[in-house]
Amino acid sequence: MGKSENNGKAEIKKLLQEAYEFGYFIGYRGHSEWISWVRDRKEELYRRAKELGVYELIKSAYNRGKVEGSNRRQEEINLGLIEKGKLTEEKVKPRVEMRRAEERTGEGKGLEVEFARFLQTTRLVLPPEFLDTLKHLEIPRMLKLGEE
């Protein structure tokens, strides 16, 4: 396998992970995809995917993450781990501060900070079928006659 092929595969894997994590975050937090920051980030993921020729794969990873994040949120609500509708002063305060920070720094900055914190506190593993798909992107060894 050539060096550039390894770099391309690593870049695709990184993009897959980013798309899955971002989709999971959007699904878990219940954010709208119409918020400019979310829309811009998603469009950037898709633009990079088109450049690498893996648009459908990245779109699938994002959507899978979104569904799994939403399902996880619903499970936690059902288990009583998230108290829906029961607000205490402690729980209200960070949201108000987040909104104020967003107003001060521009639309989406608060969400970007929230996403960064989410990634620091949540360990997400890319589903195996996406990793298996990466193997199918490799050029078969017999087709790489003179490259090695």
C-alpha atoms as a PDB file:
ATOM      1  CA  MET A   1       0.000   0.000   0.000  1.00  0.00           C
ATOM      2  CA  GLY A   2       1.457   3.355  -1.024  1.00  0.00           C
ATOM      3  CA  LYS A   3       1.952   6.264   1.336  1.00  0.00           C
ATOM      4  CA  SER A   4      -0.668   8.459  -0.379  1.00  0.00           C
ATOM      5  CA  GLU A   5      -3.183   5.596  -0.254  1.00  0.00           C
ATOM      6  CA  ASN A   6      -2.595   5.253   3.507  1.00  0.00           C
ATOM      7  CA  ASN A   7      -3.096   9.001   3.937  1.00  0.00           C
ATOM      8  CA  GLY A   8      -6.311   8.913   1.902  1.00  0.00           C
ATOM      9  CA  LYS A   9      -7.671   6.002   3.916  1.00  0.00           C
ATOM     10  CA  ALA A  10      -6.741   7.701   7.200  1.00  0.00           C
ATOM     11  CA  GLU A  11      -8.430  10.900   6.031  1.00  0.00           C
ATOM     12  CA  ILE A  12     -11.598   8.979   5.099  1.00  0.00           C
ATOM     13  CA  LYS A  13     -11.610   7.217   8.482  1.00  0.00           C
ATOM     14  CA  LYS A  14     -11.184  10.553  10.283  1.00  0.00           C
ATOM     15  CA  LEU A  15     -14.003  12.089   8.233  1.00  0.00           C
ATOM     16  CA  LEU A  16     -16.228   9.079   8.976  1.00  0.00           C
ATOM     17  CA  GLN A  17     -15.582   9.496  12.702  1.00  0.00           C
ATOM     18  CA  GLU A  18     -16.292  13.251  12.527  1.00  0.00           C
ATOM     19  CA  ALA A  19     -19.542  12.712  10.618  1.00  0.00           C
ATOM     20  CA  TYR A  20     -20.738  10.010  13.013  1.00  0.00           C
ATOM     21  CA  GLU A  21     -19.849  12.022  16.143  1.00  0.00           C
ATOM     22  CA  PHE A  22     -21.427  15.194  14.803  1.00  0.00           C
ATOM     23  CA  GLY A  23     -24.602  13.352  13.805  1.00  0.00           C
ATOM     24  CA  TYR A  24     -24.712  11.684  17.229  1.00  0.00           C
ATOM     25  CA  PHE A  25     -24.355  15.071  18.937  1.00  0.00           C
ATOM     26  CA  ILE A  26     -27.153  16.602  16.844  1.00  0.00           C
ATOM     27  CA  GLY A  27     -29.441  13.637  17.531  1.00  0.00           C
ATOM     28  CA  TYR A  28     -28.604  13.421  21.228  1.00  0.00           C
ATOM     29  CA  ARG A  29     -28.977  17.122  21.925  1.00  0.00           C
ATOM     30  CA  GLY A  30     -31.986  17.466  19.633  1.00  0.00           C
ATOM     31  CA  HIS A  31     -30.527  20.452  17.788  1.00  0.00           C
ATOM     32  CA  SER A  32     -32.054  21.663  14.559  1.00  0.00           C
ATOM     33  CA  GLU A  33     -30.081  21.156  11.374  1.00  0.00           C
ATOM     34  CA  TRP A  34     -31.288  24.564  10.220  1.00  0.00           C
ATOM     35  CA  ILE A  35     -29.069  26.443  12.681  1.00  0.00           C
ATOM     36  CA  SER A  36     -26.393  28.068  10.546  1.00  0.00           C
ATOM     37  CA  TRP A  37     -23.457  26.600  12.468  1.00  0.00           C
ATOM     38  CA  VAL A  38     -24.873  23.069  12.201  1.00  0.00           C
ATOM     39  CA  ARG A  39     -25.753  23.489   8.525  1.00  0.00           C
ATOM     40  CA  ASP A  40     -22.314  24.931   7.700  1.00  0.00           C
ATOM     41  CA  ARG A  41     -20.459  22.147   9.494  1.00  0.00           C
ATOM     42  CA  LYS A  42     -22.583  19.462   7.831  1.00  0.00           C
ATOM     43  CA  GLU A  43     -22.048  21.034   4.394  1.00  0.00           C
ATOM     44  CA  GLU A  44     -18.286  21.125   5.043  1.00  0.00           C
ATOM     45  CA  LEU A  45     -18.299  17.413   5.949  1.00  0.00           C
ATOM     46  CA  TYR A  46     -20.215  16.620   2.758  1.00  0.00           C
ATOM     47  CA  ARG A  47     -17.928  18.822   0.622  1.00  0.00           C
ATOM     48  CA  ARG A  48     -14.841  16.996   1.913  1.00  0.00           C
ATOM     49  CA  ALA A  49     -16.599  13.656   1.361  1.00  0.00           C
ATOM     50  CA  LYS A  50     -17.303  14.533  -2.290  1.00  0.00           C
ATOM     51  CA  GLU A  51     -13.645  15.461  -2.793  1.00  0.00           C
ATOM     52  CA  LEU A  52     -12.621  12.040  -1.447  1.00  0.00           C
ATOM     53  CA  GLY A  53     -15.338  10.243  -3.422  1.00  0.00           C
ATOM     54  CA  VAL A  54     -17.131   8.899  -0.326  1.00  0.00           C
ATOM     55  CA  TYR A  55     -20.176  11.182  -0.118  1.00  0.00           C
ATOM     56  CA  GLU A  56     -22.754   8.415   0.429  1.00  0.00           C
ATOM     57  CA  LEU A  57     -20.603   6.770   3.104  1.00  0.00           C
ATOM     58  CA  ILE A  58     -20.169  10.023   5.056  1.00  0.00           C
ATOM     59  CA  LYS A  59     -23.851  10.909   4.674  1.00  0.00           C
ATOM     60  CA  SER A  60     -24.734   7.460   5.991  1.00  0.00           C
ATOM     61  CA  ALA A  61     -22.369   7.844   8.983  1.00  0.00           C
ATOM     62  CA  TYR A  62     -23.852  11.247   9.859  1.00  0.00           C
ATOM     63  CA  ASN A  63     -27.430   9.967   9.623  1.00  0.00           C
ATOM     64  CA  ARG A  64     -26.608   6.816  11.589  1.00  0.00           C
ATOM     65  CA  GLY A  65     -25.003   8.906  14.331  1.00  0.00           C
ATOM     66  CA  LYS A  66     -28.014  11.211  14.416  1.00  0.00           C
ATOM     67  CA  VAL A  67     -30.445   8.303  14.793  1.00  0.00           C
ATOM     68  CA  GLU A  68     -28.325   6.579  17.441  1.00  0.00           C
ATOM     69  CA  GLY A  69     -27.881   9.821  19.387  1.00  0.00           C
ATOM     70  CA  SER A  70     -31.605  10.468  19.312  1.00  0.00           C
ATOM     71  CA  ASN A  71     -32.332   6.884  20.378  1.00  0.00           C
ATOM     72  CA  ARG A  72     -29.841   7.164  23.256  1.00  0.00           C
ATOM     73  CA  ARG A  73     -31.453  10.390  24.422  1.00  0.00           C
ATOM     74  CA  GLN A  74     -34.879   8.754  24.353  1.00  0.00           C
ATOM     75  CA  GLU A  75     -33.570   5.742  26.299  1.00  0.00           C
ATOM     76  CA  GLU A  76     -32.118   8.035  28.957  1.00  0.00           C
ATOM     77  CA  ILE A  77     -35.356   9.988  29.179  1.00  0.00           C
ATOM     78  CA  ASN A  78     -37.266   6.737  29.574  1.00  0.00           C
ATOM     79  CA  LEU A  79     -34.864   5.558  32.276  1.00  0.00           C
ATOM     80  CA  GLY A  80     -35.276   8.843  34.113  1.00  0.00           C
ATOM     81  CA  LEU A  81     -31.635   9.825  33.625  1.00  0.00           C
ATOM     82  CA  ILE A  82     -32.695  13.066  32.004  1.00  0.00           C
ATOM     83  CA  GLU A  83     -35.426  14.857  33.896  1.00  0.00           C
ATOM     84  CA  LYS A  84     -37.561  16.213  31.121  1.00  0.00           C
ATOM     85  CA  GLY A  85     -39.629  19.215  32.141  1.00  0.00           C
ATOM     86  CA  LYS A  86     -38.303  19.334  35.717  1.00  0.00           C
ATOM     87  CA  LEU A  87     -36.093  22.390  35.827  1.00  0.00           C
ATOM     88  CA  THR A  88     -34.199  23.467  38.876  1.00  0.00           C
ATOM     89  CA  GLU A  89     -32.300  26.713  39.158  1.00  0.00           C
ATOM     90  CA  GLU A  90     -29.007  24.817  38.708  1.00  0.00           C
ATOM     91  CA  LYS A  91     -30.147  23.315  35.430  1.00  0.00           C
ATOM     92  CA  VAL A  92     -31.570  26.545  34.035  1.00  0.00           C
ATOM     93  CA  LYS A  93     -28.539  28.693  34.730  1.00  0.00           C
ATOM     94  CA  PRO A  94     -26.046  27.024  32.317  1.00  0.00           C
ATOM     95  CA  ARG A  95     -28.543  27.209  29.443  1.00  0.00           C
ATOM     96  CA  VAL A  96     -29.110  30.918  30.079  1.00  0.00           C
ATOM     97  CA  GLU A  97     -25.352  31.508  30.230  1.00  0.00           C
ATOM     98  CA  MET A  98     -24.915  29.480  27.023  1.00  0.00           C
ATOM     99  CA  ARG A  99     -27.522  31.616  25.260  1.00  0.00           C
ATOM    100  CA  ARG A 100     -25.873  34.831  26.463  1.00  0.00           C
ATOM    101  CA  ALA A 101     -22.452  33.593  25.348  1.00  0.00           C
ATOM    102  CA  GLU A 102     -23.938  32.781  21.954  1.00  0.00           C
ATOM    103  CA  GLU A 103     -25.397  36.292  21.668  1.00  0.00           C
ATOM    104  CA  ARG A 104     -22.031  37.847  22.582  1.00  0.00           C
ATOM    105  CA  THR A 105     -19.874  35.737  20.287  1.00  0.00           C
ATOM    106  CA  GLY A 106     -22.226  35.332  17.364  1.00  0.00           C
ATOM    107  CA  GLU A 107     -24.630  32.665  16.277  1.00  0.00           C
ATOM    108  CA  GLY A 108     -23.386  29.147  16.715  1.00  0.00           C
ATOM    109  CA  LYS A 109     -20.325  29.806  18.890  1.00  0.00           C
ATOM    110  CA  GLY A 110     -22.163  28.513  21.954  1.00  0.00           C
ATOM    111  CA  LEU A 111     -23.102  25.355  20.066  1.00  0.00           C
ATOM    112  CA  GLU A 112     -19.524  24.880  18.915  1.00  0.00           C
ATOM    113  CA  VAL A 113     -18.395  25.054  22.540  1.00  0.00           C
ATOM    114  CA  GLU A 114     -21.175  22.634  23.515  1.00  0.00           C
ATOM    115  CA  PHE A 115     -20.082  20.213  20.759  1.00  0.00           C
ATOM    116  CA  ALA A 116     -16.430  20.405  21.869  1.00  0.00           C
ATOM    117  CA  ARG A 117     -17.447  19.670  25.477  1.00  0.00           C
ATOM    118  CA  PHE A 118     -19.678  16.829  24.288  1.00  0.00           C
ATOM    119  CA  LEU A 119     -16.749  15.192  22.474  1.00  0.00           C
ATOM    120  CA  GLN A 120     -14.564  15.539  25.573  1.00  0.00           C
ATOM    121  CA  THR A 121     -17.107  13.845  27.829  1.00  0.00           C
ATOM    122  CA  THR A 122     -18.515  11.244  25.435  1.00  0.00           C
ATOM    123  CA  ARG A 123     -16.579   8.382  23.906  1.00  0.00           C
ATOM    124  CA  LEU A 124     -18.176   7.262  20.659  1.00  0.00           C
ATOM    125  CA  VAL A 125     -17.033   4.232  18.716  1.00  0.00           C
ATOM    126  CA  LEU A 126     -17.608   4.143  14.991  1.00  0.00           C
ATOM    127  CA  PRO A 127     -19.932   1.228  14.105  1.00  0.00           C
ATOM    128  CA  PRO A 128     -17.991  -1.744  12.642  1.00  0.00           C
ATOM    129  CA  GLU A 129     -19.800  -1.720   9.303  1.00  0.00           C
ATOM    130  CA  PHE A 130     -18.240   1.670   8.505  1.00  0.00           C
ATOM    131  CA  LEU A 131     -14.771   0.318   9.280  1.00  0.00           C
ATOM    132  CA  ASP A 132     -15.510  -2.712   7.087  1.00  0.00           C
ATOM    133  CA  THR A 133     -16.487  -0.332   4.280  1.00  0.00           C
ATOM    134  CA  LEU A 134     -13.029   1.233   4.465  1.00  0.00           C
ATOM    135  CA  LYS A 135     -11.517  -2.158   3.570  1.00  0.00           C
ATOM    136  CA  HIS A 136     -13.587  -2.199   0.385  1.00  0.00           C
ATOM    137  CA  LEU A 137     -12.125   1.163  -0.632  1.00  0.00           C
ATOM    138  CA  GLU A 138      -8.622  -0.313  -0.866  1.00  0.00           C
ATOM    139  CA  ILE A 139      -7.257  -1.170  -4.294  1.00  0.00           C
ATOM    140  CA  PRO A 140      -6.775  -4.968  -4.588  1.00  0.00           C
ATOM    141  CA  ARG A 141      -3.126  -5.981  -4.242  1.00  0.00           C
ATOM    142  CA  MET A 142      -2.999  -7.591  -7.707  1.00  0.00           C
ATOM    143  CA  LEU A 143      -3.963  -4.256  -9.311  1.00  0.00           C
ATOM    144  CA  LYS A 144      -0.986  -2.484  -7.719  1.00  0.00           C
ATOM    145  CA  LEU A 145       1.675  -4.316  -9.725  1.00  0.00           C
ATOM    146  CA  GLY A 146       4.457  -1.774 -10.052  1.00  0.00           C
ATOM    147  CA  GLU A 147       3.707   0.475  -7.090  1.00  0.00           C
ATOM    148  CA  GLU A 148       5.458  -1.379  -4.282  1.00  0.00           C
END
